[in-house]
């Protein structure tokens, strides 16, 4: 495998992880956090806590995918073109 083809593979892996990250963040953003589920004094219901936890997990995975994408892009730029 030549250096050029390795750069292409790494570049595509960076693209795939970036798209995965965007998809996870859109998914997390679409989780419904209903304000009516909160009590009069700000107490959260069990359902709203679960939704917050689900959103936090998705955001964590999205951040990880973004980091992997950035590292792959950096590696791709550091490799020689030939």
Protein backbone atom coordinates (compact mmCIF):
# COMPACT_ATOMS: atom_id res chain seq x y z
CA UNK A 1 0.00 0.00 0.00
CA UNK A 2 1.47 3.35 -1.02
CA UNK A 3 1.62 6.45 1.15
CA UNK A 4 -0.91 8.16 -1.12
CA UNK A 5 -3.47 5.40 -0.64
CA UNK A 6 -2.87 5.43 3.13
CA UNK A 7 -3.60 9.17 3.14
CA UNK A 8 -6.82 8.55 1.23
CA UNK A 9 -7.95 5.85 3.67
CA UNK A 10 -7.14 8.03 6.68
CA UNK A 11 -8.93 10.97 5.04
CA UNK A 12 -12.06 8.89 4.49
CA UNK A 13 -11.96 7.61 8.05
CA UNK A 14 -11.82 11.24 9.20
CA UNK A 15 -14.85 12.05 7.05
CA UNK A 16 -16.79 9.06 8.36
CA UNK A 17 -16.09 9.89 12.01
CA UNK A 18 -17.00 13.56 11.41
CA UNK A 19 -20.35 12.54 9.88
CA UNK A 20 -20.90 10.09 12.75
CA UNK A 21 -20.23 12.91 15.21
CA UNK A 22 -22.70 15.23 13.49
CA UNK A 23 -25.34 12.49 13.44
CA UNK A 24 -24.89 11.79 17.15
CA UNK A 25 -25.17 15.48 18.02
CA UNK A 26 -28.33 15.87 15.93
CA UNK A 27 -29.75 12.79 17.62
CA UNK A 28 -28.90 14.20 21.07
CA UNK A 29 -30.42 17.56 20.14
CA UNK A 30 -33.71 15.88 19.19
CA UNK A 31 -34.23 14.30 22.61
CA UNK A 32 -37.29 15.94 24.07
CA UNK A 33 -36.71 17.54 27.46
CA UNK A 34 -40.19 18.64 28.45
CA UNK A 35 -40.26 21.60 30.86
CA UNK A 36 -43.64 20.39 32.16
CA UNK A 37 -41.91 17.35 33.68
CA UNK A 38 -40.17 19.54 36.24
CA UNK A 39 -41.77 20.18 39.59
CA UNK A 40 -42.79 23.62 40.83
CA UNK A 41 -39.47 24.03 42.62
CA UNK A 42 -37.20 22.60 39.94
CA UNK A 43 -37.36 18.96 40.98
CA UNK A 44 -36.78 16.64 38.04
CA UNK A 45 -38.87 13.53 37.45
CA UNK A 46 -37.27 10.13 36.89
CA UNK A 47 -38.13 10.32 33.19
CA UNK A 48 -36.46 13.70 32.73
CA UNK A 49 -33.32 12.47 34.53
CA UNK A 50 -33.18 9.50 32.15
CA UNK A 51 -33.56 11.82 29.16
CA UNK A 52 -30.76 14.07 30.46
CA UNK A 53 -28.53 11.03 30.97
CA UNK A 54 -29.31 9.74 27.47
CA UNK A 55 -28.52 13.14 25.98
CA UNK A 56 -25.26 13.34 27.95
CA UNK A 57 -24.16 9.89 26.73
CA UNK A 58 -24.86 10.80 23.11
CA UNK A 59 -22.99 14.09 23.51
CA UNK A 60 -20.04 12.20 24.98
CA UNK A 61 -19.90 9.78 22.05
CA UNK A 62 -20.21 12.69 19.61
CA UNK A 63 -17.30 14.49 21.28
CA UNK A 64 -15.21 11.32 21.10
CA UNK A 65 -15.98 10.92 17.39
CA UNK A 66 -15.02 14.56 16.80
CA UNK A 67 -11.70 14.04 18.57
CA UNK A 68 -10.94 10.92 16.52
CA UNK A 69 -11.79 12.81 13.34
CA UNK A 70 -9.47 15.69 14.27
CA UNK A 71 -6.61 13.30 15.06
CA UNK A 72 -7.10 11.45 11.76
CA UNK A 73 -7.09 14.75 9.86
CA UNK A 74 -3.89 15.81 11.61
CA UNK A 75 -2.21 12.49 10.80
CA UNK A 76 -3.33 12.73 7.20
CA UNK A 77 -1.80 16.21 6.90
CA UNK A 78 1.50 15.09 8.45
CA UNK A 79 2.00 12.20 6.03
CA UNK A 80 3.98 12.87 2.86
CA UNK A 81 1.96 13.18 -0.37
CA UNK A 82 3.81 10.42 -2.24
